């Protein structure tokens, strides 16, 4: 789960909300349509001390930022990998539901 921090020169800033780490991508174009503060689920790959963003990101509504940050903080405290995986699966499920039911309130859909 990442937050897009913006582009500065040739680097792109991301924040891993689940692990509370900042990442810097180098020599890449920002994902299409991303603006500062956007939340998305995606994968990164570290190769030769550089970090790359894999294709296939899933944008998440900004209105659920507080709910997601609170849940991520709870998971970080418990340091349980299984709980982390369960959260990511629930997040994907909620994202799919928000796409199927666009008229529903995202805060209700993304409740954990």
N, C-alpha and C. Protein backbone atom coordinates (compact mmCIF):
# COMPACT_ATOMS: atom_id res chain seq x y z
N UNK A 1 0.86 -1.17 0.00
CA UNK A 1 0.00 0.00 0.00
C UNK A 1 0.90 1.23 0.00
N UNK A 2 0.79 2.04 -1.03
CA UNK A 2 1.69 3.17 -1.20
C UNK A 2 0.94 4.49 -1.33
N UNK A 3 1.65 5.55 -1.01
CA UNK A 3 1.18 6.91 -1.25
C UNK A 3 2.17 7.57 -2.19
N UNK A 4 1.66 8.21 -3.24
CA UNK A 4 2.51 8.89 -4.21
C UNK A 4 2.89 10.25 -3.63
N UNK A 5 4.19 10.47 -3.42
CA UNK A 5 4.67 11.71 -2.82
C UNK A 5 5.03 12.77 -3.86
N UNK A 6 5.19 12.38 -5.11
CA UNK A 6 5.48 13.33 -6.16
C UNK A 6 6.80 13.03 -6.86
N UNK A 7 7.08 13.86 -7.86
CA UNK A 7 8.30 13.69 -8.65
C UNK A 7 9.20 14.88 -8.41
N UNK A 8 10.49 14.60 -8.20
CA UNK A 8 11.48 15.66 -7.98
C UNK A 8 12.68 15.35 -8.86
N UNK A 9 12.83 16.10 -9.92
CA UNK A 9 13.93 15.83 -10.85
C UNK A 9 13.72 14.51 -11.55
N UNK A 10 14.68 13.61 -11.39
CA UNK A 10 14.57 12.29 -12.01
C UNK A 10 14.09 11.22 -11.05
N UNK A 11 13.74 11.61 -9.83
CA UNK A 11 13.31 10.62 -8.85
C UNK A 11 11.83 10.79 -8.53
N UNK A 12 11.22 9.68 -8.15
CA UNK A 12 9.82 9.64 -7.77
C UNK A 12 9.75 9.16 -6.33
N UNK A 13 9.01 9.87 -5.51
CA UNK A 13 8.89 9.52 -4.10
C UNK A 13 7.61 8.75 -3.81
N UNK A 14 7.75 7.66 -3.07
CA UNK A 14 6.62 6.86 -2.61
C UNK A 14 6.76 6.64 -1.12
N UNK A 15 5.65 6.47 -0.45
CA UNK A 15 5.68 6.09 0.96
C UNK A 15 4.92 4.78 1.09
N UNK A 16 5.59 3.78 1.65
CA UNK A 16 4.98 2.49 1.94
C UNK A 16 4.21 2.67 3.25
N UNK A 17 2.91 2.78 3.17
CA UNK A 17 2.10 3.06 4.35
C UNK A 17 2.07 1.86 5.29
N UNK A 18 2.06 0.67 4.75
CA UNK A 18 1.98 -0.52 5.58
C UNK A 18 3.24 -0.71 6.43
N UNK A 19 4.42 -0.41 5.86
CA UNK A 19 5.67 -0.60 6.59
C UNK A 19 6.29 0.70 7.07
N UNK A 20 5.64 1.83 6.80
CA UNK A 20 6.08 3.16 7.23
C UNK A 20 7.50 3.46 6.76
N UNK A 21 7.73 3.28 5.45
CA UNK A 21 9.04 3.55 4.86
C UNK A 21 8.87 4.43 3.63
N UNK A 22 9.84 5.30 3.39
CA UNK A 22 9.84 6.10 2.18
C UNK A 22 10.74 5.43 1.15
N UNK A 23 10.28 5.40 -0.08
CA UNK A 23 11.02 4.78 -1.17
C UNK A 23 11.27 5.82 -2.25
N UNK A 24 12.38 5.69 -2.94
CA UNK A 24 12.71 6.57 -4.04
C UNK A 24 12.93 5.73 -5.29
N UNK A 25 12.09 5.98 -6.29
CA UNK A 25 12.24 5.31 -7.58
C UNK A 25 13.08 6.22 -8.46
N UNK A 26 13.98 5.64 -9.23
CA UNK A 26 14.84 6.48 -10.06
C UNK A 26 14.59 6.25 -11.54
N UNK A 27 14.77 7.31 -12.33
CA UNK A 27 14.69 7.27 -13.79
C UNK A 27 13.42 6.60 -14.32
N UNK A 28 12.30 6.90 -13.71
CA UNK A 28 11.03 6.36 -14.18
C UNK A 28 10.04 7.49 -14.34
N UNK A 29 9.06 7.28 -15.19
CA UNK A 29 7.96 8.21 -15.30
C UNK A 29 6.94 7.86 -14.21
N UNK A 30 6.28 8.87 -13.64
CA UNK A 30 5.26 8.54 -12.63
C UNK A 30 4.12 7.78 -13.28
N UNK A 31 3.44 6.94 -12.50
CA UNK A 31 2.30 6.23 -13.05
C UNK A 31 1.29 7.23 -13.63
N UNK A 32 0.70 6.88 -14.73
CA UNK A 32 -0.20 7.78 -15.44
C UNK A 32 -1.35 8.22 -14.53
N UNK A 33 -1.57 9.51 -14.49
CA UNK A 33 -2.70 10.05 -13.73
C UNK A 33 -2.47 10.19 -12.25
N UNK A 34 -1.28 9.93 -11.76
CA UNK A 34 -1.01 10.04 -10.33
C UNK A 34 -0.66 11.47 -9.96
N UNK A 35 -1.27 11.94 -8.89
CA UNK A 35 -0.92 13.24 -8.34
C UNK A 35 -0.52 13.05 -6.89
N UNK A 36 0.14 14.04 -6.34
CA UNK A 36 0.66 13.95 -4.98
C UNK A 36 -0.48 13.62 -4.01
N UNK A 37 -0.24 12.61 -3.18
CA UNK A 37 -1.21 12.19 -2.18
C UNK A 37 -2.09 11.02 -2.58
N UNK A 38 -2.01 10.56 -3.83
CA UNK A 38 -2.81 9.42 -4.26
C UNK A 38 -2.36 8.15 -3.56
N UNK A 39 -3.33 7.32 -3.20
CA UNK A 39 -3.05 6.03 -2.58
C UNK A 39 -3.25 4.93 -3.62
N UNK A 40 -2.38 3.93 -3.58
CA UNK A 40 -2.53 2.81 -4.50
C UNK A 40 -1.89 1.56 -3.93
N UNK A 41 -2.40 0.43 -4.38
CA UNK A 41 -1.81 -0.86 -4.04
C UNK A 41 -0.96 -1.29 -5.23
N UNK A 42 0.25 -1.70 -4.97
CA UNK A 42 1.15 -2.11 -6.03
C UNK A 42 2.33 -2.88 -5.47
N UNK A 43 3.26 -3.18 -6.34
CA UNK A 43 4.45 -3.94 -5.94
C UNK A 43 5.70 -3.21 -6.41
N UNK A 44 6.74 -3.33 -5.60
CA UNK A 44 8.03 -2.76 -5.97
C UNK A 44 9.04 -3.90 -6.07
N UNK A 45 10.07 -3.65 -6.85
CA UNK A 45 11.13 -4.62 -7.05
C UNK A 45 12.46 -3.93 -6.84
N UNK A 46 13.30 -4.48 -5.97
CA UNK A 46 14.62 -3.93 -5.74
C UNK A 46 15.63 -4.73 -6.55
N UNK A 47 16.40 -4.01 -7.40
CA UNK A 47 17.38 -4.65 -8.26
C UNK A 47 18.59 -3.73 -8.38
N UNK A 48 19.77 -4.24 -8.05
CA UNK A 48 21.01 -3.46 -8.10
C UNK A 48 20.88 -2.12 -7.37
N UNK A 49 20.40 -2.17 -6.16
CA UNK A 49 20.23 -1.01 -5.27
C UNK A 49 19.27 0.04 -5.82
N UNK A 50 18.49 -0.30 -6.83
CA UNK A 50 17.46 0.58 -7.35
C UNK A 50 16.11 -0.06 -7.11
N UNK A 51 15.09 0.77 -6.95
CA UNK A 51 13.75 0.28 -6.71
C UNK A 51 12.88 0.64 -7.91
N UNK A 52 12.15 -0.36 -8.40
CA UNK A 52 11.27 -0.18 -9.56
C UNK A 52 9.84 -0.50 -9.16
N UNK A 53 8.91 0.24 -9.74
CA UNK A 53 7.49 0.00 -9.51
C UNK A 53 6.98 -0.93 -10.61
N UNK A 54 6.40 -2.04 -10.21
CA UNK A 54 5.85 -3.00 -11.17
C UNK A 54 4.56 -2.43 -11.76
N UNK A 55 4.22 -2.87 -12.95
CA UNK A 55 2.98 -2.41 -13.56
C UNK A 55 1.80 -3.10 -12.87
N UNK A 56 0.63 -2.55 -13.05
CA UNK A 56 -0.57 -3.15 -12.47
C UNK A 56 -0.91 -2.59 -11.10
N UNK A 57 -0.97 -1.27 -10.99
CA UNK A 57 -1.31 -0.67 -9.70
C UNK A 57 -2.83 -0.49 -9.60
N UNK A 58 -3.32 -0.46 -8.37
CA UNK A 58 -4.75 -0.30 -8.11
C UNK A 58 -4.95 0.94 -7.25
N UNK A 59 -5.58 1.96 -7.82
CA UNK A 59 -5.80 3.22 -7.10
C UNK A 59 -6.91 3.04 -6.08
N UNK A 60 -6.73 3.67 -4.92
CA UNK A 60 -7.66 3.57 -3.80
C UNK A 60 -8.18 4.97 -3.49
N UNK A 61 -9.49 5.12 -3.19
CA UNK A 61 -10.05 6.45 -2.92
C UNK A 61 -9.35 7.15 -1.75
N UNK A 62 -9.12 8.47 -1.91
CA UNK A 62 -8.44 9.24 -0.87
C UNK A 62 -9.24 9.37 0.41
N UNK A 63 -10.56 9.27 0.32
CA UNK A 63 -11.40 9.48 1.50
C UNK A 63 -11.22 8.40 2.56
N UNK A 64 -10.60 7.28 2.20
CA UNK A 64 -10.38 6.20 3.18
C UNK A 64 -8.95 6.22 3.73
N UNK A 65 -8.20 7.28 3.46
CA UNK A 65 -6.81 7.38 3.91
C UNK A 65 -6.68 7.18 5.43
N UNK A 66 -7.50 7.86 6.21
CA UNK A 66 -7.40 7.76 7.67
C UNK A 66 -7.68 6.34 8.16
N UNK A 67 -8.67 5.70 7.58
CA UNK A 67 -9.01 4.32 7.96
C UNK A 67 -7.86 3.38 7.66
N UNK A 68 -7.28 3.53 6.47
CA UNK A 68 -6.17 2.65 6.07
C UNK A 68 -4.92 2.89 6.91
N UNK A 69 -4.61 4.15 7.18
CA UNK A 69 -3.42 4.44 7.99
C UNK A 69 -3.57 3.88 9.40
N UNK A 70 -4.75 3.99 9.97
CA UNK A 70 -5.00 3.46 11.31
C UNK A 70 -4.84 1.94 11.32
N UNK A 71 -5.41 1.28 10.31
CA UNK A 71 -5.30 -0.18 10.24
C UNK A 71 -3.85 -0.62 10.02
N UNK A 72 -3.12 0.11 9.19
CA UNK A 72 -1.71 -0.22 8.94
C UNK A 72 -0.88 -0.06 10.21
N UNK A 73 -1.17 0.97 10.98
CA UNK A 73 -0.45 1.19 12.24
C UNK A 73 -0.70 0.04 13.21
N UNK A 74 -1.94 -0.43 13.27
CA UNK A 74 -2.28 -1.57 14.13
C UNK A 74 -1.52 -2.82 13.70
N UNK A 75 -1.45 -3.05 12.41
CA UNK A 75 -0.75 -4.24 11.89
C UNK A 75 0.75 -4.14 12.15
N UNK A 76 1.32 -2.94 11.99
CA UNK A 76 2.76 -2.76 12.26
C UNK A 76 3.10 -3.09 13.70
N UNK A 77 2.25 -2.69 14.63
CA UNK A 77 2.51 -2.95 16.05
C UNK A 77 2.53 -4.44 16.35
N UNK A 78 1.66 -5.20 15.69
CA UNK A 78 1.55 -6.63 15.98
C UNK A 78 2.65 -7.45 15.32
N UNK A 79 3.27 -6.93 14.26
CA UNK A 79 4.38 -7.60 13.58
C UNK A 79 4.05 -9.05 13.21
N UNK A 80 2.88 -9.24 12.62
CA UNK A 80 2.43 -10.57 12.21
C UNK A 80 2.26 -10.59 10.70
N UNK A 81 3.05 -11.41 10.02
CA UNK A 81 3.02 -11.48 8.56
C UNK A 81 1.67 -12.00 8.08
N UNK A 82 1.09 -12.96 8.77
CA UNK A 82 -0.20 -13.50 8.36
C UNK A 82 -1.30 -12.44 8.45
N UNK A 83 -1.24 -11.60 9.47
CA UNK A 83 -2.20 -10.51 9.62
C UNK A 83 -2.02 -9.48 8.51
N UNK A 84 -0.77 -9.26 8.12
CA UNK A 84 -0.48 -8.34 7.02
C UNK A 84 -1.06 -8.87 5.70
N UNK A 85 -0.88 -10.15 5.43
CA UNK A 85 -1.42 -10.75 4.21
C UNK A 85 -2.95 -10.71 4.22
N UNK A 86 -3.54 -10.99 5.37
CA UNK A 86 -4.99 -10.94 5.49
C UNK A 86 -5.52 -9.53 5.21
N UNK A 87 -4.83 -8.52 5.73
CA UNK A 87 -5.22 -7.13 5.49
C UNK A 87 -5.14 -6.80 4.00
N UNK A 88 -4.08 -7.21 3.32
CA UNK A 88 -3.93 -6.92 1.90
C UNK A 88 -5.02 -7.60 1.06
N UNK A 89 -5.40 -8.81 1.45
CA UNK A 89 -6.50 -9.49 0.76
C UNK A 89 -7.83 -8.77 0.98
N UNK A 90 -8.06 -8.31 2.21
CA UNK A 90 -9.28 -7.56 2.51
C UNK A 90 -9.29 -6.23 1.76
N UNK A 91 -8.12 -5.62 1.63
CA UNK A 91 -8.00 -4.37 0.90
C UNK A 91 -8.35 -4.57 -0.57
N UNK A 92 -7.87 -5.64 -1.15
CA UNK A 92 -8.18 -5.94 -2.56
C UNK A 92 -9.66 -6.24 -2.73
N UNK A 93 -10.23 -6.95 -1.78
CA UNK A 93 -11.67 -7.25 -1.81
C UNK A 93 -12.48 -5.94 -1.74
N UNK A 94 -12.09 -5.05 -0.86
CA UNK A 94 -12.79 -3.77 -0.72
C UNK A 94 -12.63 -2.92 -1.98
N UNK A 95 -11.46 -2.94 -2.56
CA UNK A 95 -11.24 -2.17 -3.78
C UNK A 95 -12.13 -2.68 -4.91
N UNK A 96 -12.25 -4.00 -5.03
CA UNK A 96 -13.14 -4.57 -6.05
C UNK A 96 -14.60 -4.21 -5.78
N UNK A 97 -15.00 -4.23 -4.53
CA UNK A 97 -16.38 -3.85 -4.18
C UNK A 97 -16.64 -2.39 -4.50
N UNK A 98 -15.65 -1.53 -4.28
CA UNK A 98 -15.85 -0.11 -4.58
C UNK A 98 -15.97 0.12 -6.08
N UNK A 99 -15.33 -0.72 -6.86
CA UNK A 99 -15.44 -0.61 -8.31
C UNK A 99 -16.79 -1.14 -8.80
N UNK A 100 -17.29 -2.20 -8.17
CA UNK A 100 -18.58 -2.78 -8.56
C UNK A 100 -19.73 -1.88 -8.14
N UNK A 101 -19.62 -1.29 -6.94
CA UNK A 101 -20.67 -0.43 -6.39
C UNK A 101 -20.16 1.01 -6.27
N UNK A 102 -20.04 1.72 -7.39
CA UNK A 102 -19.47 3.07 -7.34
C UNK A 102 -20.33 4.10 -6.60
N UNK A 103 -21.63 3.83 -6.42
CA UNK A 103 -22.50 4.77 -5.74
C UNK A 103 -22.47 4.62 -4.23
N UNK A 104 -21.83 3.57 -3.73
CA UNK A 104 -21.74 3.35 -2.29
C UNK A 104 -20.64 4.20 -1.68
N UNK A 105 -20.78 4.50 -0.40
CA UNK A 105 -19.79 5.30 0.31
C UNK A 105 -18.50 4.48 0.50
N UNK A 106 -17.36 4.96 0.01
CA UNK A 106 -16.09 4.20 0.16
C UNK A 106 -15.72 3.95 1.62
N UNK A 107 -16.08 4.84 2.51
CA UNK A 107 -15.75 4.64 3.92
C UNK A 107 -16.44 3.41 4.47
N UNK A 108 -17.67 3.16 4.03
CA UNK A 108 -18.39 1.96 4.46
C UNK A 108 -17.78 0.70 3.85
N UNK A 109 -17.36 0.79 2.61
CA UNK A 109 -16.78 -0.37 1.92
C UNK A 109 -15.42 -0.72 2.51
N UNK A 110 -14.59 0.28 2.81
CA UNK A 110 -13.24 0.05 3.31
C UNK A 110 -13.18 0.02 4.83
N UNK A 111 -14.20 -0.53 5.48
CA UNK A 111 -14.15 -0.67 6.94
C UNK A 111 -13.57 -2.04 7.28
N UNK A 112 -12.63 -2.06 8.21
CA UNK A 112 -11.94 -3.31 8.58
C UNK A 112 -12.24 -3.69 10.00
